Amino acid sequence: MFENTRDSILIVDDTPENIDILSGILKFDYDVLAAPSAQVALKIAQSDMQPDIILLDVMMPEMDGFELCEKLKADPLTQKIPIIFVTANTDKESVSKGIELGAYYYLTKPVNPSTVTAIVRSALSQLSEYKSLQQEVQKAVSTMGLLLNGCFQFRTIDETRNLALVLAKMAPDPVRLVSGLTELMVNAVEHGNLGITYDEKGQLNEQRGWRQEVERRLALPENSDKKATIYIERNDSEIRFRIIDQGPGFEWRSYLEIDASRADHTHGRGIAMSRMLSFSSIEFLGTGNEVLAIYSL
């Protein structure tokens, strides 16, 4: 990785004009690398110049973007790099294929500068949070591995994050568990107790105002006593996490998978990613204000 304070972005496209357009949008805030082919991009990603994020064209000769994405996600050295597909081909089948390969973001050509910056910022924020959780979970108390049953309440984002870090130590692989558990617990606070809708969160992400709005709503009198509760049960084969919030619930079915129609949104992937990366199953109960997540031992 580059040894400076700026994130690095690799743009992969066989058309120089497309590279120039994206570079022109991003170069003032990020260190930009360019690769004219998938083969060159693969070498860069596996080198000391490994980027923080990759913007990847789909249609390229010899090796297309899908094949490169598959190779990157199969290599432990590069599998955590967020990939954003940049393509004019936005049919549902193509988008779904990219999502299945591990690219959770899409940009459509011709690109909109504000959309480019919002998606890149969202992907980097997600990566930063993931790295932070992985580092901090190693510091959490290891005696949580002795816990068989428990019940905890949490109200704020900081309480949520700190509790998830501790609870993740129940698992033999806390790194696998922590990001998914954090996602479900944050969901209970922001969407459940505080009522931040999907559309509102999208707007807040674009304005960089999500945290401020969370704190504002936490301070409202009607939310002062609202807490979410997590129940934990452990046996020889699994850990069961049941999270209940005080909200009215939501239409959860469409969020269990990464919907192709939301591939260019800045959020909305957390539940599906938790199911794929952290838990063997996730089941929402009732109206959706209760979720049961099972971690297999």
Protein backbone atom coordinates (compact mmCIF):
# COMPACT_ATOMS: atom_id res chain seq x y z
CA MET A 1 0.00 0.00 0.00
CA PHE A 2 1.11 3.58 -0.50
CA GLU A 3 2.78 5.02 2.61
CA ASN A 4 0.85 8.28 2.75
CA THR A 5 -2.47 9.51 4.05
CA ARG A 6 -4.35 9.33 0.74
CA ASP A 7 -6.25 6.27 -0.41
CA SER A 8 -5.18 4.79 -3.73
CA ILE A 9 -7.48 3.84 -6.59
CA LEU A 10 -6.69 1.61 -9.56
CA ILE A 11 -8.70 2.33 -12.72
CA VAL A 12 -8.80 -0.60 -15.15
CA ASP A 13 -10.03 0.13 -18.67
CA ASP A 14 -8.73 -0.60 -22.16
CA THR A 15 -10.02 2.79 -23.42
CA PRO A 16 -7.68 5.68 -22.48
CA GLU A 17 -10.49 8.23 -22.67
CA ASN A 18 -12.45 6.39 -19.97
CA ILE A 19 -9.40 6.34 -17.72
CA ASP A 20 -8.92 10.07 -18.25
CA ILE A 21 -12.54 10.82 -17.29
CA LEU A 22 -12.42 8.82 -14.06
CA SER A 23 -8.95 10.05 -13.19
CA GLY A 24 -10.07 13.63 -13.69
CA ILE A 25 -12.87 13.13 -11.17
CA LEU A 26 -10.79 11.34 -8.52
CA LYS A 27 -7.21 12.61 -8.76
CA PHE A 28 -7.69 15.59 -6.44
CA ASP A 29 -8.71 13.40 -3.50
CA TYR A 30 -6.95 10.10 -4.18
CA ASP A 31 -3.76 8.64 -5.61
CA VAL A 32 -4.83 7.26 -8.97
CA LEU A 33 -3.20 4.35 -10.81
CA ALA A 34 -4.25 3.16 -14.25
CA ALA A 35 -4.09 -0.19 -16.03
CA PRO A 36 -4.96 -0.62 -19.74
CA SER A 37 -5.72 -4.34 -19.32
CA ALA A 38 -6.81 -6.91 -16.78
CA GLN A 39 -3.39 -8.58 -16.92
CA VAL A 40 -1.61 -5.37 -15.93
CA ALA A 41 -4.19 -4.71 -13.21
CA LEU A 42 -3.64 -8.16 -11.72
CA LYS A 43 0.10 -7.55 -11.45
CA ILE A 44 -0.43 -4.18 -9.77
CA ALA A 45 -2.97 -5.59 -7.31
CA GLN A 46 -0.56 -8.36 -6.30
CA SER A 47 2.42 -6.00 -5.95
CA ASP A 48 3.63 -3.53 -3.33
CA MET A 49 1.53 -0.92 -5.16
CA GLN A 50 -1.71 -2.72 -4.22
CA PRO A 51 -4.55 -0.17 -4.34
CA ASP A 52 -7.22 0.40 -1.72
CA ILE A 53 -9.99 0.11 -4.29
CA ILE A 54 -10.40 -0.93 -7.95
CA LEU A 55 -12.67 0.63 -10.59
CA LEU A 56 -13.04 -2.11 -13.17
CA ASP A 57 -14.35 -2.03 -16.72
CA VAL A 58 -16.30 -5.16 -17.70
CA MET A 59 -15.77 -5.37 -21.45
CA MET A 60 -12.06 -5.82 -22.17
CA PRO A 61 -10.16 -8.08 -24.62
CA GLU A 62 -8.33 -11.27 -23.58
CA MET A 63 -9.49 -11.13 -19.94
CA ASP A 64 -12.71 -9.30 -19.14
CA GLY A 65 -13.65 -7.62 -15.86
CA PHE A 66 -15.63 -10.61 -14.59
CA GLU A 67 -12.67 -12.93 -14.97
CA LEU A 68 -10.31 -10.46 -13.29
CA CYS A 69 -12.76 -9.98 -10.41
CA GLU A 70 -12.94 -13.75 -9.94
CA LYS A 71 -9.14 -14.02 -9.82
CA LEU A 72 -8.83 -11.16 -7.33
CA LYS A 73 -11.48 -12.60 -5.01
CA ALA A 74 -9.87 -16.05 -5.13
CA ASP A 75 -6.49 -14.72 -3.96
CA PRO A 76 -6.19 -14.10 -0.19
CA LEU A 77 -3.76 -11.29 -0.97
CA THR A 78 -6.33 -9.31 -2.97
CA GLN A 79 -9.76 -10.64 -1.99
CA LYS A 80 -10.55 -7.79 0.42
CA ILE A 81 -10.01 -5.02 -2.14
CA PRO A 82 -13.43 -3.44 -2.92
CA ILE A 83 -14.24 -3.67 -6.62
CA ILE A 84 -16.53 -1.24 -8.42
CA PHE A 85 -17.61 -2.31 -11.90
CA VAL A 86 -17.84 0.51 -14.42
CA THR A 87 -19.90 -0.54 -17.42
CA ALA A 88 -22.52 0.43 -19.95
CA ASN A 89 -24.02 -3.06 -19.69
CA THR A 90 -26.48 -2.83 -16.81
CA ASP A 91 -28.89 -5.66 -17.58
CA LYS A 92 -29.93 -7.61 -14.49
CA GLU A 93 -28.06 -10.77 -15.50
CA SER A 94 -24.72 -8.95 -15.87
CA VAL A 95 -25.14 -7.03 -12.63
CA SER A 96 -26.10 -10.21 -10.77
CA LYS A 97 -23.04 -11.99 -12.14
CA GLY A 98 -20.76 -9.24 -10.88
CA ILE A 99 -22.38 -9.33 -7.46
CA GLU A 100 -21.99 -13.10 -7.25
CA LEU A 101 -18.28 -12.68 -8.00
CA GLY A 102 -17.91 -10.24 -5.12
CA ALA A 103 -18.23 -6.75 -6.64
CA TYR A 104 -20.86 -4.99 -4.56
CA TYR A 105 -20.85 -1.67 -6.43
CA TYR A 106 -21.66 -0.63 -9.99
CA LEU A 107 -21.17 2.60 -11.93
CA THR A 108 -22.87 3.05 -15.27
CA LYS A 109 -21.36 4.72 -18.33
CA PRO A 110 -21.42 7.58 -19.02
CA VAL A 111 -20.44 8.20 -15.42
CA ASN A 112 -21.88 10.97 -13.27
CA PRO A 113 -19.10 12.68 -11.25
CA SER A 114 -21.17 13.03 -8.07
CA THR A 115 -22.20 9.37 -8.24
CA VAL A 116 -18.58 8.31 -8.77
CA THR A 117 -17.39 10.19 -5.70
CA ALA A 118 -20.29 8.97 -3.54
CA ILE A 119 -19.80 5.30 -4.46
CA VAL A 120 -16.01 5.47 -4.03
CA ARG A 121 -16.39 7.20 -0.66
CA SER A 122 -18.91 4.58 0.48
CA ALA A 123 -16.71 1.66 -0.58
CA LEU A 124 -13.65 3.13 1.14
CA SER A 125 -15.65 3.84 4.29
CA GLN A 126 -16.78 0.23 4.37
CA LEU A 127 -13.20 -0.96 3.89
CA SER A 128 -11.93 1.33 6.64
CA GLU A 129 -14.58 0.08 9.07
CA TYR A 130 -13.78 -3.53 8.20
CA LYS A 131 -10.05 -3.04 8.79
CA SER A 132 -10.67 -1.22 12.05
CA LEU A 133 -12.93 -3.99 13.34
CA GLN A 134 -10.40 -6.66 12.42
CA GLN A 135 -7.65 -4.85 14.34
CA GLU A 136 -9.72 -4.04 17.40
CA VAL A 137 -11.30 -7.46 17.78
CA GLN A 138 -7.85 -8.82 18.54
CA LYS A 139 -7.69 -6.54 21.59
CA ALA A 140 -11.08 -7.55 23.02
CA VAL A 141 -11.21 -9.75 26.10
CA SER A 142 -10.76 -13.40 25.17
CA THR A 143 -12.69 -14.75 28.18
CA MET A 144 -15.92 -14.31 26.17
CA GLY A 145 -15.16 -17.75 24.78
CA LEU A 146 -16.42 -19.09 28.13
CA LEU A 147 -19.87 -17.52 27.76
CA LEU A 148 -22.72 -19.97 27.11
CA ASN A 149 -25.76 -17.70 27.49
CA GLY A 150 -26.18 -13.98 27.89
CA CYS A 151 -28.29 -10.88 27.36
CA PHE A 152 -27.02 -7.36 26.65
CA GLN A 153 -28.67 -4.03 25.81
CA PHE A 154 -27.19 -1.26 23.69
CA ARG A 155 -28.34 2.17 22.58
CA THR A 156 -25.63 4.15 20.80
CA ILE A 157 -23.37 3.36 17.85
CA ASP A 158 -20.31 3.33 20.11
CA GLU A 159 -21.99 0.91 22.52
CA THR A 160 -22.96 -1.25 19.56
CA ARG A 161 -19.49 -1.37 18.10
CA ASN A 162 -17.77 -2.04 21.44
CA LEU A 163 -20.21 -4.79 22.38
CA ALA A 164 -19.84 -6.48 18.97
CA LEU A 165 -16.06 -6.48 19.40
CA VAL A 166 -16.40 -8.24 22.75
CA LEU A 167 -19.06 -10.73 21.64
CA ALA A 168 -17.04 -11.69 18.56
CA LYS A 169 -14.45 -13.21 20.88
CA MET A 170 -16.95 -15.97 21.62
CA ALA A 171 -16.15 -17.41 18.21
CA PRO A 172 -13.01 -19.36 17.27
CA ASP A 173 -12.70 -16.98 14.32
CA PRO A 174 -13.71 -13.55 15.70
CA VAL A 175 -12.50 -11.79 12.54
CA ARG A 176 -15.13 -13.67 10.54
CA LEU A 177 -17.91 -12.82 12.99
CA VAL A 178 -17.28 -9.21 13.99
CA SER A 179 -18.24 -7.32 10.83
CA GLY A 180 -21.51 -9.22 10.31
CA LEU A 181 -22.51 -8.92 13.95
CA THR A 182 -21.74 -5.20 13.95
CA GLU A 183 -23.86 -4.71 10.83
CA LEU A 184 -26.95 -6.36 12.33
CA MET A 185 -26.59 -4.51 15.64
CA VAL A 186 -26.10 -1.12 13.98
CA ASN A 187 -29.15 -1.87 11.84
CA ALA A 188 -31.18 -2.34 15.04
CA VAL A 189 -30.14 1.12 16.27
CA GLU A 190 -30.24 3.26 13.13
CA HIS A 191 -33.17 1.75 11.23
CA GLY A 192 -35.02 0.11 14.13
CA ASN A 193 -34.93 2.38 17.17
CA LEU A 194 -34.16 5.65 15.38
CA GLY A 195 -36.27 5.11 12.27
CA ILE A 196 -33.72 6.20 9.65
CA THR A 197 -35.19 4.98 6.37
CA TYR A 198 -33.31 3.48 3.44
CA ASP A 199 -33.73 6.64 1.34
CA GLU A 200 -32.75 8.89 4.23
CA LYS A 201 -29.54 6.95 4.79
CA GLY A 202 -28.67 7.29 1.11
CA GLN A 203 -29.04 11.05 1.34
CA LEU A 204 -27.08 11.19 4.60
CA ASN A 205 -24.23 9.18 3.07
CA GLU A 206 -24.02 11.59 0.14
CA GLN A 207 -23.97 14.58 2.51
CA ARG A 208 -21.57 12.85 4.95
CA GLY A 209 -24.13 13.50 7.68
CA TRP A 210 -25.07 9.99 8.85
CA ARG A 211 -23.28 10.07 12.21
CA GLN A 212 -24.57 13.55 13.04
CA GLU A 213 -28.15 12.51 12.29
CA VAL A 214 -27.80 9.41 14.44
CA GLU A 215 -26.60 11.52 17.36
CA ARG A 216 -29.40 14.05 16.81
CA ARG A 217 -32.07 11.36 16.90
CA LEU A 218 -30.53 9.67 19.94
CA ALA A 219 -30.94 12.98 21.80
CA LEU A 220 -34.66 13.30 21.00
CA PRO A 221 -36.95 12.75 24.02
CA GLU A 222 -38.93 10.02 22.23
CA ASN A 223 -35.74 7.99 21.74
CA SER A 224 -34.11 8.51 25.13
CA ASP A 225 -35.26 5.18 26.54
CA LYS A 226 -35.04 3.09 23.39
CA LYS A 227 -32.57 0.24 23.52
CA ALA A 228 -31.89 -2.82 21.42
CA THR A 229 -31.37 -6.20 23.06
CA ILE A 230 -29.16 -9.10 22.01
CA TYR A 231 -29.61 -12.60 23.42
CA ILE A 232 -26.84 -15.16 23.00
CA GLU A 233 -27.07 -18.94 23.26
CA ARG A 234 -24.12 -21.23 22.62
CA ASN A 235 -23.86 -24.99 22.25
CA ASP A 236 -21.30 -27.37 20.81
CA SER A 237 -22.17 -26.64 17.18
CA GLU A 238 -23.33 -23.03 16.94
CA ILE A 239 -23.81 -19.62 18.53
CA ARG A 240 -27.28 -18.10 18.16
CA PHE A 241 -27.62 -14.31 18.26
CA ARG A 242 -31.15 -12.91 18.61
CA ILE A 243 -31.32 -9.12 18.21
CA ILE A 244 -34.53 -7.22 18.98
CA ASP A 245 -35.11 -3.49 18.47
CA GLN A 246 -38.03 -1.25 19.44
CA GLY A 247 -38.90 -0.13 15.92
CA PRO A 248 -41.95 -1.11 13.83
CA GLY A 249 -39.91 -3.44 11.60
CA PHE A 250 -39.22 -3.22 7.87
CA GLU A 251 -39.63 -5.13 4.63
CA TRP A 252 -36.54 -7.29 5.11
CA ARG A 253 -36.97 -9.87 2.35
CA SER A 254 -35.33 -7.82 -0.38
CA TYR A 255 -32.22 -7.23 1.75
CA LEU A 256 -31.23 -10.87 2.27
CA GLU A 257 -29.65 -10.80 -1.19
CA ILE A 258 -27.72 -8.02 -2.92
CA ASP A 259 -30.35 -6.75 -5.33
CA ALA A 260 -29.06 -5.87 -8.80
CA SER A 261 -31.38 -2.84 -8.86
CA ARG A 262 -29.46 -1.38 -5.90
CA ALA A 263 -25.97 -2.14 -7.19
CA ASP A 264 -25.17 1.55 -7.68
CA HIS A 265 -26.48 2.63 -4.27
CA THR A 266 -24.10 3.66 -1.51
CA HIS A 267 -25.61 1.28 1.04
CA GLY A 268 -28.09 -1.59 1.45
CA ARG A 269 -25.61 -4.48 1.28
CA GLY A 270 -24.97 -5.07 4.96
CA ILE A 271 -27.50 -7.79 5.74
CA ALA A 272 -26.64 -9.80 2.62
CA MET A 273 -22.91 -9.45 3.25
CA SER A 274 -23.39 -10.54 6.87
CA ARG A 275 -25.19 -13.66 5.70
CA MET A 276 -22.52 -14.48 3.15
CA LEU A 277 -19.42 -13.70 5.22
CA SER A 278 -20.26 -14.12 8.90
CA PHE A 279 -23.28 -16.35 9.52
CA SER A 280 -24.56 -19.70 8.33
CA SER A 281 -28.09 -18.29 8.37
CA ILE A 282 -30.00 -15.07 9.08
CA GLU A 283 -33.76 -15.09 9.70
CA PHE A 284 -35.95 -12.08 10.38
CA LEU A 285 -38.99 -12.70 12.55
CA GLY A 286 -42.37 -11.01 12.73
CA THR A 287 -42.38 -7.52 11.22
CA GLY A 288 -38.58 -7.50 10.95
CA ASN A 289 -37.65 -5.90 14.27
CA GLU A 290 -36.21 -9.22 15.45
CA VAL A 291 -33.44 -11.14 13.73
CA LEU A 292 -31.91 -14.54 14.49
CA ALA A 293 -28.35 -14.99 13.20
CA ILE A 294 -26.57 -18.33 13.57
CA TYR A 295 -22.81 -18.70 13.58
CA SER A 296 -21.65 -22.28 13.00
CA LEU A 297 -18.73 -23.47 15.09
